[in-house]
C-alpha atoms as a PDB file:
ATOM      1  CA  UNK A   1      46.895 112.066 103.921  1.00  0.00           C
ATOM      2  CA  UNK A   2      49.645 109.781 104.834  1.00  0.00           C
ATOM      3  CA  UNK A   3      51.516 108.108 102.368  1.00  0.00           C
ATOM      4  CA  UNK A   4      50.502 104.573 101.735  1.00  0.00           C
ATOM      5  CA  UNK A   5      52.907 101.750 102.774  1.00  0.00           C
ATOM      6  CA  UNK A   6      54.238 100.640  99.617  1.00  0.00           C
ATOM      7  CA  UNK A   7      55.311 104.197  98.568  1.00  0.00           C
ATOM      8  CA  UNK A   8      57.816 106.688  99.801  1.00  0.00           C
ATOM      9  CA  UNK A   9      58.706 110.467  99.441  1.00  0.00           C
ATOM     10  CA  UNK A  10      60.203 111.902  96.456  1.00  0.00           C
ATOM     11  CA  UNK A  11      63.539 112.576  98.274  1.00  0.00           C
ATOM     12  CA  UNK A  12      63.457 108.657  99.155  1.00  0.00           C
ATOM     13  CA  UNK A  13      63.749 107.547  95.887  1.00  0.00           C
ATOM     14  CA  UNK A  14      66.671 105.197  95.407  1.00  0.00           C
ATOM     15  CA  UNK A  15      67.713 107.327  92.184  1.00  0.00           C
ATOM     16  CA  UNK A  16      68.705 109.625  95.176  1.00  0.00           C
ATOM     17  CA  UNK A  17      72.232 110.380  95.553  1.00  0.00           C
ATOM     18  CA  UNK A  18      73.178 107.463  93.039  1.00  0.00           C
ATOM     19  CA  UNK A  19      76.833 107.712  92.723  1.00  0.00           C
ATOM     20  CA  UNK A  20      77.953 104.805  89.985  1.00  0.00           C
ATOM     21  CA  UNK A  21      76.739 103.235  86.998  1.00  0.00           C
ATOM     22  CA  UNK A  22      77.524  99.645  89.194  1.00  0.00           C
ATOM     23  CA  UNK A  23      74.643 100.949  91.322  1.00  0.00           C
ATOM     24  CA  UNK A  24      72.450 102.035  88.663  1.00  0.00           C
ATOM     25  CA  UNK A  25      73.019  98.798  86.394  1.00  0.00           C
ATOM     26  CA  UNK A  26      72.032  96.990  89.770  1.00  0.00           C
ATOM     27  CA  UNK A  27      68.600  99.516  90.431  1.00  0.00           C
ATOM     28  CA  UNK A  28      67.897  98.808  86.629  1.00  0.00           C
ATOM     29  CA  UNK A  29      68.709  95.249  86.532  1.00  0.00           C
ATOM     30  CA  UNK A  30      70.677  95.471  83.296  1.00  0.00           C
ATOM     31  CA  UNK A  31      74.425  94.832  82.641  1.00  0.00           C
ATOM     32  CA  UNK A  32      76.923  97.954  83.071  1.00  0.00           C
ATOM     33  CA  UNK A  33      78.000  97.101  79.293  1.00  0.00           C
ATOM     34  CA  UNK A  34      74.470  98.426  78.013  1.00  0.00           C
ATOM     35  CA  UNK A  35      74.763 101.694  79.848  1.00  0.00           C
ATOM     36  CA  UNK A  36      77.984 102.997  78.565  1.00  0.00           C
ATOM     37  CA  UNK A  37      78.297 105.479  75.876  1.00  0.00           C
ATOM     38  CA  UNK A  38      77.503 104.691  72.413  1.00  0.00           C
ATOM     39  CA  UNK A  39      75.490 101.818  73.999  1.00  0.00           C
ATOM     40  CA  UNK A  40      73.338 100.158  71.163  1.00  0.00           C
ATOM     41  CA  UNK A  41      70.118 100.122  73.850  1.00  0.00           C
ATOM     42  CA  UNK A  42      69.750 103.913  73.181  1.00  0.00           C
ATOM     43  CA  UNK A  43      67.463 104.918  70.805  1.00  0.00           C
ATOM     44  CA  UNK A  44      65.475 101.898  70.297  1.00  0.00           C
ATOM     45  CA  UNK A  45      62.244 102.990  69.545  1.00  0.00           C
ATOM     46  CA  UNK A  46      59.357 102.043  66.622  1.00  0.00           C
ATOM     47  CA  UNK A  47      58.003 105.144  65.496  1.00  0.00           C
ATOM     48  CA  UNK A  48      54.726 104.935  64.329  1.00  0.00           C
ATOM     49  CA  UNK A  49      51.313 107.103  64.628  1.00  0.00           C
ATOM     50  CA  UNK A  50      47.824 107.260  66.159  1.00  0.00           C
ATOM     51  CA  UNK A  51      44.425 109.007  65.066  1.00  0.00           C
ATOM     52  CA  UNK A  52      43.658 111.895  66.880  1.00  0.00           C
ATOM     53  CA  UNK A  53      40.550 113.414  66.860  1.00  0.00           C
ATOM     54  CA  UNK A  54      40.050 116.935  64.832  1.00  0.00           C
ATOM     55  CA  UNK A  55      43.556 116.701  64.006  1.00  0.00           C
ATOM     56  CA  UNK A  56      46.878 115.287  62.294  1.00  0.00           C
ATOM     57  CA  UNK A  57      47.700 111.552  63.229  1.00  0.00           C
ATOM     58  CA  UNK A  58      49.750 111.865  66.928  1.00  0.00           C
ATOM     59  CA  UNK A  59      53.291 110.351  66.227  1.00  0.00           C
ATOM     60  CA  UNK A  60      54.219 107.820  68.559  1.00  0.00           C
ATOM     61  CA  UNK A  61      58.090 106.800  69.766  1.00  0.00           C
ATOM     62  CA  UNK A  62      57.565 103.299  71.604  1.00  0.00           C
ATOM     63  CA  UNK A  63      60.666 101.884  73.348  1.00  0.00           C
ATOM     64  CA  UNK A  64      61.332  98.184  72.330  1.00  0.00           C
ATOM     65  CA  UNK A  65      63.089  95.118  73.713  1.00  0.00           C
ATOM     66  CA  UNK A  66      65.332  95.585  76.385  1.00  0.00           C
ATOM     67  CA  UNK A  67      64.854  99.084  76.437  1.00  0.00           C
ATOM     68  CA  UNK A  68      61.433  98.618  76.769  1.00  0.00           C
ATOM     69  CA  UNK A  69      61.927  96.868  80.023  1.00  0.00           C
ATOM     70  CA  UNK A  70      64.448  99.255  81.149  1.00  0.00           C
ATOM     71  CA  UNK A  71      61.724 101.868  80.676  1.00  0.00           C
ATOM     72  CA  UNK A  72      58.915  99.784  82.937  1.00  0.00           C
ATOM     73  CA  UNK A  73      61.762  98.920  85.801  1.00  0.00           C
ATOM     74  CA  UNK A  74      61.917 103.145  85.317  1.00  0.00           C
ATOM     75  CA  UNK A  75      57.973 103.324  85.579  1.00  0.00           C
ATOM     76  CA  UNK A  76      58.249 100.784  88.727  1.00  0.00           C
ATOM     77  CA  UNK A  77      60.594 102.710  90.805  1.00  0.00           C
ATOM     78  CA  UNK A  78      58.917 105.866  89.809  1.00  0.00           C
ATOM     79  CA  UNK A  79      55.472 104.623  90.516  1.00  0.00           C
ATOM     80  CA  UNK A  80      56.627 104.151  94.255  1.00  0.00           C
ATOM     81  CA  UNK A  81      56.919 107.696  94.826  1.00  0.00           C
ATOM     82  CA  UNK A  82      54.130 109.131  96.866  1.00  0.00           C
ATOM     83  CA  UNK A  83      52.317 111.693  93.932  1.00  0.00           C
ATOM     84  CA  UNK A  84      51.989 115.230  94.475  1.00  0.00           C
ATOM     85  CA  UNK A  85      48.062 115.810  95.556  1.00  0.00           C
ATOM     86  CA  UNK A  86      47.649 118.025  92.290  1.00  0.00           C
ATOM     87  CA  UNK A  87      48.871 115.001  89.653  1.00  0.00           C
ATOM     88  CA  UNK A  88      45.764 113.082  88.509  1.00  0.00           C
ATOM     89  CA  UNK A  89      47.301 111.042  85.840  1.00  0.00           C
ATOM     90  CA  UNK A  90      49.655 107.738  85.742  1.00  0.00           C
ATOM     91  CA  UNK A  91      48.254 107.044  88.994  1.00  0.00           C
ATOM     92  CA  UNK A  92      46.231 104.220  90.563  1.00  0.00           C
ATOM     93  CA  UNK A  93      42.882 105.156  91.715  1.00  0.00           C
ATOM     94  CA  UNK A  94      43.160 108.556  89.902  1.00  0.00           C
ATOM     95  CA  UNK A  95      41.660 109.426  86.268  1.00  0.00           C
ATOM     96  CA  UNK A  96      40.407 111.878  84.102  1.00  0.00           C
ATOM     97  CA  UNK A  97      37.224 111.462  86.281  1.00  0.00           C
ATOM     98  CA  UNK A  98      38.946 112.179  89.498  1.00  0.00           C
ATOM     99  CA  UNK A  99      40.681 115.123  87.814  1.00  0.00           C
ATOM    100  CA  UNK A 100      37.401 116.661  86.723  1.00  0.00           C
ATOM    101  CA  UNK A 101      35.904 116.196  90.253  1.00  0.00           C
ATOM    102  CA  UNK A 102      38.350 118.062  91.735  1.00  0.00           C
ATOM    103  CA  UNK A 103      36.592 120.963  90.548  1.00  0.00           C
ATOM    104  CA  UNK A 104      32.858 120.576  91.335  1.00  0.00           C
ATOM    105  CA  UNK A 105      32.955 122.931  94.189  1.00  0.00           C
ATOM    106  CA  UNK A 106      34.675 125.787  92.170  1.00  0.00           C
ATOM    107  CA  UNK A 107      32.618 128.840  90.317  1.00  0.00           C
ATOM    108  CA  UNK A 108      34.973 129.130  87.569  1.00  0.00           C
ATOM    109  CA  UNK A 109      37.423 127.285  86.041  1.00  0.00           C
ATOM    110  CA  UNK A 110      40.553 127.880  84.190  1.00  0.00           C
ATOM    111  CA  UNK A 111      42.036 125.598  82.012  1.00  0.00           C
ATOM    112  CA  UNK A 112      45.298 125.169  79.705  1.00  0.00           C
ATOM    113  CA  UNK A 113      47.372 122.916  77.821  1.00  0.00           C
ATOM    114  CA  UNK A 114      51.225 122.798  77.866  1.00  0.00           C
ATOM    115  CA  UNK A 115      51.697 122.983  74.195  1.00  0.00           C
ATOM    116  CA  UNK A 116      53.622 119.888  72.482  1.00  0.00           C
ATOM    117  CA  UNK A 117      54.656 118.446  76.108  1.00  0.00           C
ATOM    118  CA  UNK A 118      56.711 115.575  75.138  1.00  0.00           C
ATOM    119  CA  UNK A 119      58.300 117.229  72.026  1.00  0.00           C
ATOM    120  CA  UNK A 120      59.114 120.478  74.492  1.00  0.00           C
ATOM    121  CA  UNK A 121      60.168 118.360  77.317  1.00  0.00           C
ATOM    122  CA  UNK A 122      63.780 118.033  76.237  1.00  0.00           C
ATOM    123  CA  UNK A 123      67.097 115.464  76.998  1.00  0.00           C
ATOM    124  CA  UNK A 124      68.226 118.691  79.470  1.00  0.00           C
ATOM    125  CA  UNK A 125      65.066 118.407  81.497  1.00  0.00           C
ATOM    126  CA  UNK A 126      65.410 115.098  81.973  1.00  0.00           C
ATOM    127  CA  UNK A 127      69.201 115.389  83.004  1.00  0.00           C
ATOM    128  CA  UNK A 128      68.418 118.045  85.362  1.00  0.00           C
ATOM    129  CA  UNK A 129      65.734 116.027  86.884  1.00  0.00           C
ATOM    130  CA  UNK A 130      68.544 113.350  88.279  1.00  0.00           C
ATOM    131  CA  UNK A 131      71.646 115.518  88.523  1.00  0.00           C
ATOM    132  CA  UNK A 132      69.755 118.382  90.258  1.00  0.00           C
ATOM    133  CA  UNK A 133      66.673 116.960  91.990  1.00  0.00           C
ATOM    134  CA  UNK A 134      68.170 113.332  92.604  1.00  0.00           C
ATOM    135  CA  UNK A 135      71.652 114.227  93.013  1.00  0.00           C
ATOM    136  CA  UNK A 136      73.426 112.155  90.879  1.00  0.00           C
ATOM    137  CA  UNK A 137      76.599 112.618  89.062  1.00  0.00           C
ATOM    138  CA  UNK A 138      76.460 114.133  85.739  1.00  0.00           C
ATOM    139  CA  UNK A 139      77.427 110.745  84.066  1.00  0.00           C
ATOM    140  CA  UNK A 140      74.592 109.153  85.908  1.00  0.00           C
ATOM    141  CA  UNK A 141      71.972 111.818  84.814  1.00  0.00           C
ATOM    142  CA  UNK A 142      73.358 111.837  81.159  1.00  0.00           C
ATOM    143  CA  UNK A 143      72.653 107.887  81.084  1.00  0.00           C
ATOM    144  CA  UNK A 144      69.174 108.154  82.273  1.00  0.00           C
ATOM    145  CA  UNK A 145      68.549 111.014  79.913  1.00  0.00           C
ATOM    146  CA  UNK A 146      70.002 108.699  77.158  1.00  0.00           C
ATOM    147  CA  UNK A 147      67.620 106.166  78.191  1.00  0.00           C
ATOM    148  CA  UNK A 148      64.660 108.002  78.413  1.00  0.00           C
ATOM    149  CA  UNK A 149      64.704 110.185  75.610  1.00  0.00           C
ATOM    150  CA  UNK A 150      64.651 110.055  71.876  1.00  0.00           C
ATOM    151  CA  UNK A 151      65.508 112.565  69.386  1.00  0.00           C
ATOM    152  CA  UNK A 152      66.295 114.667  72.349  1.00  0.00           C
ATOM    153  CA  UNK A 153      62.713 114.583  73.809  1.00  0.00           C
ATOM    154  CA  UNK A 154      60.166 112.859  75.884  1.00  0.00           C
ATOM    155  CA  UNK A 155      58.719 109.815  74.180  1.00  0.00           C
ATOM    156  CA  UNK A 156      55.238 109.747  73.485  1.00  0.00           C
ATOM    157  CA  UNK A 157      54.542 105.828  73.375  1.00  0.00           C
ATOM    158  CA  UNK A 158      56.697 105.058  76.500  1.00  0.00           C
ATOM    159  CA  UNK A 159      55.404 104.110  79.931  1.00  0.00           C
ATOM    160  CA  UNK A 160      57.272 106.734  81.222  1.00  0.00           C
ATOM    161  CA  UNK A 161      55.422 109.772  79.706  1.00  0.00           C
ATOM    162  CA  UNK A 162      54.251 110.765  82.907  1.00  0.00           C
ATOM    163  CA  UNK A 163      57.751 111.066  84.024  1.00  0.00           C
ATOM    164  CA  UNK A 164      58.743 113.794  86.944  1.00  0.00           C
ATOM    165  CA  UNK A 165      60.646 116.085  84.476  1.00  0.00           C
ATOM    166  CA  UNK A 166      58.956 119.072  85.506  1.00  0.00           C
ATOM    167  CA  UNK A 167      58.042 118.404  88.696  1.00  0.00           C
ATOM    168  CA  UNK A 168      59.841 121.407  90.510  1.00  0.00           C
ATOM    169  CA  UNK A 169      57.935 123.709  87.867  1.00  0.00           C
ATOM    170  CA  UNK A 170      54.270 122.326  88.776  1.00  0.00           C
ATOM    171  CA  UNK A 171      55.446 122.447  92.402  1.00  0.00           C
ATOM    172  CA  UNK A 172      55.502 126.293  91.810  1.00  0.00           C
ATOM    173  CA  UNK A 173      52.713 126.578  90.359  1.00  0.00           C
ATOM    174  CA  UNK A 174      50.547 124.755  92.852  1.00  0.00           C
ATOM    175  CA  UNK A 175      52.237 126.371  95.735  1.00  0.00           C
ATOM    176  CA  UNK A 176      50.937 129.790  93.593  1.00  0.00           C
ATOM    177  CA  UNK A 177      47.677 128.604  93.208  1.00  0.00           C
ATOM    178  CA  UNK A 178      47.259 126.923  96.954  1.00  0.00           C
ATOM    179  CA  UNK A 179      48.260 130.881  98.220  1.00  0.00           C
ATOM    180  CA  UNK A 180      45.047 132.266  96.313  1.00  0.00           C
ATOM    181  CA  UNK A 181      42.930 129.503  97.257  1.00  0.00           C
ATOM    182  CA  UNK A 182      42.850 128.170  93.899  1.00  0.00           C
ATOM    183  CA  UNK A 183      42.313 124.586  93.564  1.00  0.00           C
ATOM    184  CA  UNK A 184      44.952 122.725  90.621  1.00  0.00           C
ATOM    185  CA  UNK A 185      44.802 119.374  89.264  1.00  0.00           C
ATOM    186  CA  UNK A 186      47.114 118.021  86.326  1.00  0.00           C
ATOM    187  CA  UNK A 187      46.219 115.488  83.909  1.00  0.00           C
ATOM    188  CA  UNK A 188      49.272 114.361  81.515  1.00  0.00           C
ATOM    189  CA  UNK A 189      49.537 118.092  80.026  1.00  0.00           C
ATOM    190  CA  UNK A 190      46.234 119.514  81.142  1.00  0.00           C
ATOM    191  CA  UNK A 191      46.261 122.073  83.814  1.00  0.00           C
ATOM    192  CA  UNK A 192      43.135 123.035  85.403  1.00  0.00           C
ATOM    193  CA  UNK A 193      42.353 125.582  88.187  1.00  0.00           C
ATOM    194  CA  UNK A 194      39.139 126.229  89.917  1.00  0.00           C
ATOM    195  CA  UNK A 195      37.896 128.926  92.776  1.00  0.00           C
ATOM    196  CA  UNK A 196      35.387 131.405  93.174  1.00  0.00           C
ATOM    197  CA  UNK A 197      37.451 134.288  91.333  1.00  0.00           C
ATOM    198  CA  UNK A 198      40.856 133.425  89.111  1.00  0.00           C
ATOM    199  CA  UNK A 199      42.240 136.670  87.736  1.00  0.00           C
ATOM    200  CA  UNK A 200      44.532 137.728  85.204  1.00  0.00           C
ATOM    201  CA  UNK A 201      47.336 138.311  87.772  1.00  0.00           C
ATOM    202  CA  UNK A 202      47.292 134.459  88.219  1.00  0.00           C
ATOM    203  CA  UNK A 203      47.249 133.749  84.865  1.00  0.00           C
ATOM    204  CA  UNK A 204      50.316 136.044  84.217  1.00  0.00           C
ATOM    205  CA  UNK A 205      52.443 133.918  86.595  1.00  0.00           C
ATOM    206  CA  UNK A 206      51.205 130.705  85.356  1.00  0.00           C
ATOM    207  CA  UNK A 207      52.497 131.564  81.812  1.00  0.00           C
ATOM    208  CA  UNK A 208      55.855 132.823  83.418  1.00  0.00           C
ATOM    209  CA  UNK A 209      56.607 129.699  85.247  1.00  0.00           C
ATOM    210  CA  UNK A 210      55.921 127.982  81.869  1.00  0.00           C
ATOM    211  CA  UNK A 211      57.979 130.187  80.188  1.00  0.00           C
ATOM    212  CA  UNK A 212      61.339 129.786  82.363  1.00  0.00           C
ATOM    213  CA  UNK A 213      61.022 126.250  81.729  1.00  0.00           C
ATOM    214  CA  UNK A 214      60.962 127.295  78.107  1.00  0.00           C
ATOM    215  CA  UNK A 215      57.176 125.589  77.738  1.00  0.00           C
ATOM    216  CA  UNK A 216      54.391 127.166  76.099  1.00  0.00           C
ATOM    217  CA  UNK A 217      50.904 127.018  77.006  1.00  0.00           C
ATOM    218  CA  UNK A 218      47.083 126.575  74.332  1.00  0.00           C
ATOM    219  CA  UNK A 219      43.746 126.099  74.486  1.00  0.00           C
ATOM    220  CA  UNK A 220      43.434 128.510  77.144  1.00  0.00           C
ATOM    221  CA  UNK A 221      39.859 128.681  78.366  1.00  0.00           C
ATOM    222  CA  UNK A 222      37.785 130.466  81.375  1.00  0.00           C
ATOM    223  CA  UNK A 223      34.564 128.833  82.075  1.00  0.00           C
ATOM    224  CA  UNK A 224      32.059 129.056  84.565  1.00  0.00           C
ATOM    225  CA  UNK A 225      30.936 125.980  86.351  1.00  0.00           C
ATOM    226  CA  UNK A 226      27.180 126.727  86.589  1.00  0.00           C
ATOM    227  CA  UNK A 227      26.669 126.786  82.601  1.00  0.00           C
ATOM    228  CA  UNK A 228      28.551 123.247  82.740  1.00  0.00           C
ATOM    229  CA  UNK A 229      32.650 123.364  82.035  1.00  0.00           C
ATOM    230  CA  UNK A 230      34.332 120.197  80.210  1.00  0.00           C
ATOM    231  CA  UNK A 231      37.204 119.179  82.069  1.00  0.00           C
ATOM    232  CA  UNK A 232      39.267 116.035  80.958  1.00  0.00           C
ATOM    233  CA  UNK A 233      35.892 114.597  79.290  1.00  0.00           C
ATOM    234  CA  UNK A 234      33.585 115.027  81.930  1.00  0.00           C
ATOM    235  CA  UNK A 235      31.126 117.875  82.380  1.00  0.00           C
ATOM    236  CA  UNK A 236      31.657 119.535  85.608  1.00  0.00           C
ATOM    237  CA  UNK A 237      28.417 121.351  87.353  1.00  0.00           C
ATOM    238  CA  UNK A 238      28.067 122.381  90.726  1.00  0.00           C
ATOM    239  CA  UNK A 239      28.768 119.654  92.847  1.00  0.00           C
ATOM    240  CA  UNK A 240      28.275 116.786  90.439  1.00  0.00           C
ATOM    241  CA  UNK A 241      29.905 115.622  87.060  1.00  0.00           C
ATOM    242  CA  UNK A 242      27.786 114.705  83.695  1.00  0.00           C
ATOM    243  CA  UNK A 243      28.643 112.991  80.373  1.00  0.00           C
ATOM    244  CA  UNK A 244      29.245 115.235  77.615  1.00  0.00           C
ATOM    245  CA  UNK A 245      26.039 115.816  75.607  1.00  0.00           C
ATOM    246  CA  UNK A 246      28.003 114.951  72.554  1.00  0.00           C
ATOM    247  CA  UNK A 247      29.086 111.653  73.781  1.00  0.00           C
ATOM    248  CA  UNK A 248      25.677 111.279  74.516  1.00  0.00           C
ATOM    249  CA  UNK A 249      24.052 111.718  71.102  1.00  0.00           C
ATOM    250  CA  UNK A 250      27.454 109.692  69.698  1.00  0.00           C
ATOM    251  CA  UNK A 251      25.702 106.927  71.629  1.00  0.00           C
ATOM    252  CA  UNK A 252      22.367 107.240  70.371  1.00  0.00           C
ATOM    253  CA  UNK A 253      23.619 107.276  66.882  1.00  0.00           C
ATOM    254  CA  UNK A 254      26.162 104.341  67.353  1.00  0.00           C
ATOM    255  CA  UNK A 255      22.865 102.282  68.834  1.00  0.00           C
ATOM    256  CA  UNK A 256      21.130 103.158  65.743  1.00  0.00           C
ATOM    257  CA  UNK A 257      23.955 101.948  63.550  1.00  0.00           C
ATOM    258  CA  UNK A 258      23.857  98.738  65.450  1.00  0.00           C
ATOM    259  CA  UNK A 259      20.457  97.843  65.276  1.00  0.00           C
ATOM    260  CA  UNK A 260      20.121  98.736  61.501  1.00  0.00           C
ATOM    261  CA  UNK A 261      23.252  96.536  60.694  1.00  0.00           C
ATOM    262  CA  UNK A 262      22.709  93.446  58.748  1.00  0.00           C
ATOM    263  CA  UNK A 263      25.874  91.310  58.833  1.00  0.00           C
ATOM    264  CA  UNK A 264      26.598  89.196  61.973  1.00  0.00           C
ATOM    265  CA  UNK A 265      29.857  90.293  62.824  1.00  0.00           C
ATOM    266  CA  UNK A 266      29.648  93.508  62.094  1.00  0.00           C
ATOM    267  CA  UNK A 267      26.887  93.667  64.747  1.00  0.00           C
ATOM    268  CA  UNK A 268      29.404  92.040  67.343  1.00  0.00           C
ATOM    269  CA  UNK A 269      31.791  94.672  66.634  1.00  0.00           C
ATOM    270  CA  UNK A 270      29.283  97.719  66.784  1.00  0.00           C
ATOM    271  CA  UNK A 271      27.889  96.039  70.049  1.00  0.00           C
ATOM    272  CA  UNK A 272      31.246  95.738  71.937  1.00  0.00           C
ATOM    273  CA  UNK A 273      32.094  99.342  71.120  1.00  0.00           C
ATOM    274  CA  UNK A 274      29.033 100.521  72.179  1.00  0.00           C
ATOM    275  CA  UNK A 275      29.298  98.695  75.323  1.00  0.00           C
ATOM    276  CA  UNK A 276      32.459 100.036  75.556  1.00  0.00           C
ATOM    277  CA  UNK A 277      31.388 103.344  75.350  1.00  0.00           C
ATOM    278  CA  UNK A 278      28.983 103.498  77.780  1.00  0.00           C
ATOM    279  CA  UNK A 279      31.011 101.822  80.122  1.00  0.00           C
ATOM    280  CA  UNK A 280      32.845 105.016  80.156  1.00  0.00           C
ATOM    281  CA  UNK A 281      29.729 107.457  80.952  1.00  0.00           C
ATOM    282  CA  UNK A 282      28.416 105.154  83.243  1.00  0.00           C
ATOM    283  CA  UNK A 283      31.045 106.263  85.381  1.00  0.00           C
ATOM    284  CA  UNK A 284      29.464 109.342  85.505  1.00  0.00           C
ATOM    285  CA  UNK A 285      25.825 108.869  85.110  1.00  0.00           C
ATOM    286  CA  UNK A 286      23.747 106.461  86.521  1.00  0.00           C
ATOM    287  CA  UNK A 287      21.249 106.440  83.858  1.00  0.00           C
ATOM    288  CA  UNK A 288      23.780 105.652  81.116  1.00  0.00           C
ATOM    289  CA  UNK A 289      25.367 102.615  83.556  1.00  0.00           C
ATOM    290  CA  UNK A 290      21.358 101.261  83.601  1.00  0.00           C
ATOM    291  CA  UNK A 291      21.143 101.613  79.662  1.00  0.00           C
ATOM    292  CA  UNK A 292      24.567  99.529  79.492  1.00  0.00           C
ATOM    293  CA  UNK A 293      23.018  97.018  81.662  1.00  0.00           C
ATOM    294  CA  UNK A 294      19.906  96.670  79.902  1.00  0.00           C
ATOM    295  CA  UNK A 295      21.724  96.467  76.399  1.00  0.00           C
ATOM    296  CA  UNK A 296      24.093  93.628  77.769  1.00  0.00           C
ATOM    297  CA  UNK A 297      20.821  91.648  78.794  1.00  0.00           C
ATOM    298  CA  UNK A 298      19.459  92.285  75.449  1.00  0.00           C
ATOM    299  CA  UNK A 299      22.227  91.121  73.430  1.00  0.00           C
ATOM    300  CA  UNK A 300      21.007  87.964  72.493  1.00  0.00           C
ATOM    301  CA  UNK A 301      17.884  89.755  70.687  1.00  0.00           C
ATOM    302  CA  UNK A 302      20.155  92.689  69.812  1.00  0.00           C
ATOM    303  CA  UNK A 303      22.557  90.171  67.500  1.00  0.00           C
ATOM    304  CA  UNK A 304      20.075  87.733  66.441  1.00  0.00           C
END
């Protein structure tokens, strides 16, 4: 597939061969002064937390003010890079669904997560992205690493969470997979592989490549597609996707709670939440989409 007119190859990024702080200032649309050492711009993150299903709350580090605008500018520049074929997150028209769709024609699925991906993507990973892959001088690479990271690692609440800091590593894994007729996709920190057979030797290669980048893996699973294999919130079956049964059951339970609610404001809130849940399922199953349409049509009666 040829690149879209608005995108360019990785090697053609304006970050490539960027030589001076004045060029960087112009590219990021900020004053030179705010990029210099010990700038008050660095480290402007709001630290918070969000609930995480079945686990501790997730710590969030969100840039604010001028730093937020800088992150959005960097994101805009990175968004113009033609994405690698395996990347399914942070790309327009790619999603958790397209990620799962990549594997509907395999017989087995092997998946794993990169453990603590953001915390373990360090300042030096970002520095090397700009110094080695973009061929920037060390002072420019250091400025970029200072702008992007918080407490020495990639932030969880920044729009730059899908930064290309590990692109070379993921490219190596992709090349190894492709040479073995194994399909690969990456969704944030979830790596998924599918084929007719995935042996232990390939898994060891993936582990070794991650380890060389000082990254660990966890949540490792080997699944059979014919039995139904969950990949990023969708059930992969031969040639198609399904909405997980647990989400069906949760929607039915939610619907029952909605019907029995007495308070009008509570009903409105529950109705909106159920419609939102069904919108997700409707992308995977026509029956769920039909259910959502019928609920919307019956809204006056349901809300009384």
